[in-house]
Amino acid sequence: MLSFLVWLLVLFLCWPLALLALVLWPVAWLLTLPFRLIGIGVEAVFELLRAIVLLPARILGSGPGR
């Protein structure tokens, strides 16, 4: 009987949190979108720099492809 009462208490306390998370998740996604776009741009710049640095080795034939 005690476990059932605890379960009811958890149900009563957690469903508002679940609804709040359901409502706030799109807002959080929109707020983090610019940071993810910046991260994609920074990653692209680093990949470009890596390709430029490794280009002479790839031309000479000692690159990762062999």
PDB file of N, CA and C in Angstrom:
ATOM      1  N   MET A   1       0.824  -1.203   0.000  1.00  0.00           N
ATOM      2  CA  MET A   1       0.000   0.000   0.000  1.00  0.00           C
ATOM      3  C   MET A   1       0.859   1.254   0.000  1.00  0.00           C
ATOM      4  N   LEU A   2       1.977   1.193   0.728  1.00  0.00           N
ATOM      5  CA  LEU A   2       2.869   2.350   0.786  1.00  0.00           C
ATOM      6  C   LEU A   2       3.497   2.629  -0.583  1.00  0.00           C
ATOM      7  N   SER A   3       3.860   1.565  -1.289  1.00  0.00           N
ATOM      8  CA  SER A   3       4.462   1.776  -2.613  1.00  0.00           C
ATOM      9  C   SER A   3       3.453   2.399  -3.580  1.00  0.00           C
ATOM     10  N   PHE A   4       2.184   2.028  -3.457  1.00  0.00           N
ATOM     11  CA  PHE A   4       1.161   2.624  -4.306  1.00  0.00           C
ATOM     12  C   PHE A   4       0.999   4.109  -4.015  1.00  0.00           C
ATOM     13  N   LEU A   5       1.064   4.476  -2.755  1.00  0.00           N
ATOM     14  CA  LEU A   5       0.974   5.890  -2.390  1.00  0.00           C
ATOM     15  C   LEU A   5       2.186   6.676  -2.887  1.00  0.00           C
ATOM     16  N   VAL A   6       3.344   6.051  -2.794  1.00  0.00           N
ATOM     17  CA  VAL A   6       4.555   6.701  -3.320  1.00  0.00           C
ATOM     18  C   VAL A   6       4.433   6.860  -4.834  1.00  0.00           C
ATOM     19  N   TRP A   7       3.916   5.838  -5.514  1.00  0.00           N
ATOM     20  CA  TRP A   7       3.731   5.914  -6.961  1.00  0.00           C
ATOM     21  C   TRP A   7       2.765   7.041  -7.319  1.00  0.00           C
ATOM     22  N   LEU A   8       1.695   7.176  -6.569  1.00  0.00           N
ATOM     23  CA  LEU A   8       0.748   8.274  -6.812  1.00  0.00           C
ATOM     24  C   LEU A   8       1.402   9.634  -6.573  1.00  0.00           C
ATOM     25  N   LEU A   9       2.234   9.726  -5.559  1.00  0.00           N
ATOM     26  CA  LEU A   9       2.941  10.977  -5.287  1.00  0.00           C
ATOM     27  C   LEU A   9       3.889  11.325  -6.430  1.00  0.00           C
ATOM     28  N   VAL A  10       4.619  10.332  -6.922  1.00  0.00           N
ATOM     29  CA  VAL A  10       5.540  10.566  -8.046  1.00  0.00           C
ATOM     30  C   VAL A  10       4.757  10.949  -9.297  1.00  0.00           C
ATOM     31  N   LEU A  11       3.648  10.267  -9.528  1.00  0.00           N
ATOM     32  CA  LEU A  11       2.812  10.611 -10.679  1.00  0.00           C
ATOM     33  C   LEU A  11       2.299  12.039 -10.576  1.00  0.00           C
ATOM     34  N   PHE A  12       1.879  12.415  -9.404  1.00  0.00           N
ATOM     35  CA  PHE A  12       1.345  13.763  -9.206  1.00  0.00           C
ATOM     36  C   PHE A  12       2.429  14.825  -9.366  1.00  0.00           C
ATOM     37  N   LEU A  13       3.650  14.532  -8.915  1.00  0.00           N
ATOM     38  CA  LEU A  13       4.716  15.524  -8.972  1.00  0.00           C
ATOM     39  C   LEU A  13       5.418  15.565 -10.326  1.00  0.00           C
ATOM     40  N   CYS A  14       5.447  14.455 -11.031  1.00  0.00           N
ATOM     41  CA  CYS A  14       6.251  14.405 -12.258  1.00  0.00           C
ATOM     42  C   CYS A  14       5.500  14.765 -13.530  1.00  0.00           C
ATOM     43  N   TRP A  15       4.183  14.604 -13.567  1.00  0.00           N
ATOM     44  CA  TRP A  15       3.509  14.921 -14.826  1.00  0.00           C
ATOM     45  C   TRP A  15       3.601  16.393 -15.178  1.00  0.00           C
ATOM     46  N   PRO A  16       3.610  17.318 -14.196  1.00  0.00           N
ATOM     47  CA  PRO A  16       3.818  18.714 -14.610  1.00  0.00           C
ATOM     48  C   PRO A  16       5.217  18.933 -15.190  1.00  0.00           C
ATOM     49  N   LEU A  17       6.209  18.234 -14.629  1.00  0.00           N
ATOM     50  CA  LEU A  17       7.563  18.361 -15.179  1.00  0.00           C
ATOM     51  C   LEU A  17       7.636  17.812 -16.593  1.00  0.00           C
ATOM     52  N   ALA A  18       6.936  16.713 -16.834  1.00  0.00           N
ATOM     53  CA  ALA A  18       6.926  16.139 -18.178  1.00  0.00           C
ATOM     54  C   ALA A  18       6.256  17.091 -19.173  1.00  0.00           C
ATOM     55  N   LEU A  19       5.144  17.678 -18.777  1.00  0.00           N
ATOM     56  CA  LEU A  19       4.486  18.637 -19.663  1.00  0.00           C
ATOM     57  C   LEU A  19       5.336  19.889 -19.878  1.00  0.00           C
ATOM     58  N   LEU A  20       6.000  20.341 -18.827  1.00  0.00           N
ATOM     59  CA  LEU A  20       6.875  21.500 -18.954  1.00  0.00           C
ATOM     60  C   LEU A  20       8.033  21.215 -19.902  1.00  0.00           C
ATOM     61  N   ALA A  21       8.611  20.021 -19.769  1.00  0.00           N
ATOM     62  CA  ALA A  21       9.695  19.645 -20.683  1.00  0.00           C
ATOM     63  C   ALA A  21       9.196  19.541 -22.111  1.00  0.00           C
ATOM     64  N   LEU A  22       7.995  19.029 -22.278  1.00  0.00           N
ATOM     65  CA  LEU A  22       7.426  18.904 -23.616  1.00  0.00           C
ATOM     66  C   LEU A  22       7.191  20.269 -24.256  1.00  0.00           C
ATOM     67  N   VAL A  23       6.818  21.233 -23.453  1.00  0.00           N
ATOM     68  CA  VAL A  23       6.561  22.580 -23.966  1.00  0.00           C
ATOM     69  C   VAL A  23       7.866  23.343 -24.182  1.00  0.00           C
ATOM     70  N   LEU A  24       8.818  23.177 -23.268  1.00  0.00           N
ATOM     71  CA  LEU A  24      10.047  23.961 -23.340  1.00  0.00           C
ATOM     72  C   LEU A  24      11.102  23.376 -24.265  1.00  0.00           C
ATOM     73  N   TRP A  25      10.967  22.103 -24.676  1.00  0.00           N
ATOM     74  CA  TRP A  25      11.986  21.494 -25.539  1.00  0.00           C
ATOM     75  C   TRP A  25      12.145  22.246 -26.867  1.00  0.00           C
ATOM     76  N   PRO A  26      11.070  22.615 -27.582  1.00  0.00           N
ATOM     77  CA  PRO A  26      11.271  23.383 -28.822  1.00  0.00           C
ATOM     78  C   PRO A  26      11.922  24.745 -28.578  1.00  0.00           C
ATOM     79  N   VAL A  27      11.619  25.365 -27.454  1.00  0.00           N
ATOM     80  CA  VAL A  27      12.244  26.658 -27.138  1.00  0.00           C
ATOM     81  C   VAL A  27      13.742  26.467 -26.911  1.00  0.00           C
ATOM     82  N   ALA A  28      14.109  25.430 -26.167  1.00  0.00           N
ATOM     83  CA  ALA A  28      15.530  25.151 -25.930  1.00  0.00           C
ATOM     84  C   ALA A  28      16.233  24.807 -27.236  1.00  0.00           C
ATOM     85  N   TRP A  29      15.550  24.062 -28.117  1.00  0.00           N
ATOM     86  CA  TRP A  29      16.130  23.707 -29.404  1.00  0.00           C
ATOM     87  C   TRP A  29      16.403  24.961 -30.239  1.00  0.00           C
ATOM     88  N   LEU A  30      15.456  25.899 -30.226  1.00  0.00           N
ATOM     89  CA  LEU A  30      15.640  27.140 -30.978  1.00  0.00           C
ATOM     90  C   LEU A  30      16.745  28.003 -30.385  1.00  0.00           C
ATOM     91  N   LEU A  31      16.879  27.993 -29.065  1.00  0.00           N
ATOM     92  CA  LEU A  31      17.932  28.790 -28.434  1.00  0.00           C
ATOM     93  C   LEU A  31      19.323  28.229 -28.707  1.00  0.00           C
ATOM     94  N   THR A  32      19.447  26.916 -28.827  1.00  0.00           N
ATOM     95  CA  THR A  32      20.763  26.314 -29.066  1.00  0.00           C
ATOM     96  C   THR A  32      21.109  26.213 -30.550  1.00  0.00           C
ATOM     97  N   LEU A  33      20.160  26.488 -31.427  1.00  0.00           N
ATOM     98  CA  LEU A  33      20.412  26.383 -32.862  1.00  0.00           C
ATOM     99  C   LEU A  33      21.555  27.272 -33.346  1.00  0.00           C
ATOM    100  N   PRO A  34      21.659  28.531 -32.945  1.00  0.00           N
ATOM    101  CA  PRO A  34      22.791  29.336 -33.412  1.00  0.00           C
ATOM    102  C   PRO A  34      24.145  28.774 -32.977  1.00  0.00           C
ATOM    103  N   PHE A  35      24.207  28.223 -31.764  1.00  0.00           N
ATOM    104  CA  PHE A  35      25.471  27.653 -31.302  1.00  0.00           C
ATOM    105  C   PHE A  35      25.848  26.416 -32.108  1.00  0.00           C
ATOM    106  N   ARG A  36      24.860  25.626 -32.470  1.00  0.00           N
ATOM    107  CA  ARG A  36      25.152  24.455 -33.301  1.00  0.00           C
ATOM    108  C   ARG A  36      25.601  24.870 -34.697  1.00  0.00           C
ATOM    109  N   LEU A  37      24.989  25.923 -35.248  1.00  0.00           N
ATOM    110  CA  LEU A  37      25.407  26.401 -36.566  1.00  0.00           C
ATOM    111  C   LEU A  37      26.830  26.954 -36.526  1.00  0.00           C
ATOM    112  N   ILE A  38      27.175  27.664 -35.467  1.00  0.00           N
ATOM    113  CA  ILE A  38      28.546  28.158 -35.304  1.00  0.00           C
ATOM    114  C   ILE A  38      29.511  26.992 -35.185  1.00  0.00           C
ATOM    115  N   GLY A  39      29.110  25.963 -34.458  1.00  0.00           N
ATOM    116  CA  GLY A  39      29.959  24.778 -34.316  1.00  0.00           C
ATOM    117  C   GLY A  39      30.191  24.087 -35.644  1.00  0.00           C
ATOM    118  N   ILE A  40      29.160  24.005 -36.473  1.00  0.00           N
ATOM    119  CA  ILE A  40      29.324  23.399 -37.795  1.00  0.00           C
ATOM    120  C   ILE A  40      30.277  24.229 -38.640  1.00  0.00           C
ATOM    121  N   GLY A  41      30.160  25.549 -38.568  1.00  0.00           N
ATOM    122  CA  GLY A  41      31.063  26.422 -39.334  1.00  0.00           C
ATOM    123  C   GLY A  41      32.496  26.305 -38.870  1.00  0.00           C
ATOM    124  N   VAL A  42      32.726  26.270 -37.564  1.00  0.00           N
ATOM    125  CA  VAL A  42      34.090  26.134 -37.031  1.00  0.00           C
ATOM    126  C   VAL A  42      34.673  24.785 -37.431  1.00  0.00           C
ATOM    127  N   GLU A  43      33.871  23.733 -37.365  1.00  0.00           N
ATOM    128  CA  GLU A  43      34.345  22.415 -37.770  1.00  0.00           C
ATOM    129  C   GLU A  43      34.722  22.404 -39.252  1.00  0.00           C
ATOM    130  N   ALA A  44      33.954  23.086 -40.082  1.00  0.00           N
ATOM    131  CA  ALA A  44      34.253  23.148 -41.509  1.00  0.00           C
ATOM    132  C   ALA A  44      35.559  23.893 -41.757  1.00  0.00           C
ATOM    133  N   VAL A  45      35.793  24.978 -41.018  1.00  0.00           N
ATOM    134  CA  VAL A  45      37.044  25.723 -41.173  1.00  0.00           C
ATOM    135  C   VAL A  45      38.231  24.856 -40.769  1.00  0.00           C
ATOM    136  N   PHE A  46      38.111  24.122 -39.670  1.00  0.00           N
ATOM    137  CA  PHE A  46      39.212  23.248 -39.252  1.00  0.00           C
ATOM    138  C   PHE A  46      39.461  22.119 -40.249  1.00  0.00           C
ATOM    139  N   GLU A  47      38.399  21.580 -40.839  1.00  0.00           N
ATOM    140  CA  GLU A  47      38.585  20.549 -41.863  1.00  0.00           C
ATOM    141  C   GLU A  47      39.267  21.122 -43.106  1.00  0.00           C
ATOM    142  N   LEU A  48      38.924  22.359 -43.463  1.00  0.00           N
ATOM    143  CA  LEU A  48      39.581  23.002 -44.599  1.00  0.00           C
ATOM    144  C   LEU A  48      41.062  23.215 -44.314  1.00  0.00           C
ATOM    145  N   LEU A  49      41.375  23.707 -43.112  1.00  0.00           N
ATOM    146  CA  LEU A  49      42.784  23.898 -42.751  1.00  0.00           C
ATOM    147  C   LEU A  49      43.540  22.572 -42.736  1.00  0.00           C
ATOM    148  N   ARG A  50      42.902  21.531 -42.258  1.00  0.00           N
ATOM    149  CA  ARG A  50      43.538  20.205 -42.235  1.00  0.00           C
ATOM    150  C   ARG A  50      43.811  19.727 -43.664  1.00  0.00           C
ATOM    151  N   ALA A  51      42.839  19.941 -44.550  1.00  0.00           N
ATOM    152  CA  ALA A  51      43.022  19.534 -45.941  1.00  0.00           C
ATOM    153  C   ALA A  51      44.143  20.327 -46.600  1.00  0.00           C
ATOM    154  N   ILE A  52      44.248  21.612 -46.287  1.00  0.00           N
ATOM    155  CA  ILE A  52      45.312  22.436 -46.865  1.00  0.00           C
ATOM    156  C   ILE A  52      46.681  21.988 -46.355  1.00  0.00           C
ATOM    157  N   VAL A  53      46.771  21.695 -45.066  1.00  0.00           N
ATOM    158  CA  VAL A  53      48.053  21.270 -44.486  1.00  0.00           C
ATOM    159  C   VAL A  53      48.464  19.910 -45.028  1.00  0.00           C
ATOM    160  N   LEU A  54      47.523  18.996 -45.209  1.00  0.00           N
ATOM    161  CA  LEU A  54      47.854  17.652 -45.668  1.00  0.00           C
ATOM    162  C   LEU A  54      47.947  17.528 -47.183  1.00  0.00           C
ATOM    163  N   LEU A  55      47.645  18.599 -47.910  1.00  0.00           N
ATOM    164  CA  LEU A  55      47.663  18.532 -49.371  1.00  0.00           C
ATOM    165  C   LEU A  55      49.036  18.169 -49.938  1.00  0.00           C
ATOM    166  N   PRO A  56      50.148  18.763 -49.486  1.00  0.00           N
ATOM    167  CA  PRO A  56      51.446  18.363 -50.059  1.00  0.00           C
ATOM    168  C   PRO A  56      51.756  16.878 -49.841  1.00  0.00           C
ATOM    169  N   ALA A  57      51.413  16.349 -48.682  1.00  0.00           N
ATOM    170  CA  ALA A  57      51.668  14.933 -48.425  1.00  0.00           C
ATOM    171  C   ALA A  57      50.802  14.060 -49.332  1.00  0.00           C
ATOM    172  N   ARG A  58      49.589  14.471 -49.585  1.00  0.00           N
ATOM    173  CA  ARG A  58      48.713  13.682 -50.455  1.00  0.00           C
ATOM    174  C   ARG A  58      49.213  13.745 -51.901  1.00  0.00           C
ATOM    175  N   ILE A  59      49.739  14.905 -52.292  1.00  0.00           N
ATOM    176  CA  ILE A  59      50.257  15.035 -53.664  1.00  0.00           C
ATOM    177  C   ILE A  59      51.491  14.170 -53.843  1.00  0.00           C
ATOM    178  N   LEU A  60      52.352  14.107 -52.829  1.00  0.00           N
ATOM    179  CA  LEU A  60      53.562  13.303 -52.914  1.00  0.00           C
ATOM    180  C   LEU A  60      53.300  11.817 -52.742  1.00  0.00           C
ATOM    181  N   GLY A  61      52.118  11.447 -52.370  1.00  0.00           N
ATOM    182  CA  GLY A  61      51.756  10.035 -52.320  1.00  0.00           C
ATOM    183  C   GLY A  61      51.917   9.373 -50.977  1.00  0.00           C
ATOM    184  N   SER A  62      52.116  10.120 -49.941  1.00  0.00           N
ATOM    185  CA  SER A  62      52.255   9.493 -48.618  1.00  0.00           C
ATOM    186  C   SER A  62      51.076   9.834 -47.722  1.00  0.00           C
ATOM    187  N   GLY A  63      49.949  10.138 -48.336  1.00  0.00           N
ATOM    188  CA  GLY A  63      48.778  10.552 -47.570  1.00  0.00           C
ATOM    189  C   GLY A  63      48.011   9.386 -46.982  1.00  0.00           C
ATOM    190  N   PRO A  64      46.913   9.669 -46.349  1.00  0.00           N
ATOM    191  CA  PRO A  64      46.113   8.624 -45.715  1.00  0.00           C
ATOM    192  C   PRO A  64      45.475   7.656 -46.710  1.00  0.00           C
ATOM    193  N   GLY A  65      45.419   8.022 -47.959  1.00  0.00           N
ATOM    194  CA  GLY A  65      44.796   7.159 -48.965  1.00  0.00           C
ATOM    195  C   GLY A  65      45.633   5.944 -49.337  1.00  0.00           C
ATOM    196  N   ARG A  66      46.902   5.919 -48.960  1.00  0.00           N
ATOM    197  CA  ARG A  66      47.784   4.806 -49.357  1.00  0.00           C
ATOM    198  C   ARG A  66      48.249   4.006 -48.196  1.00  0.00           C
TER     199      ARG A  66
END
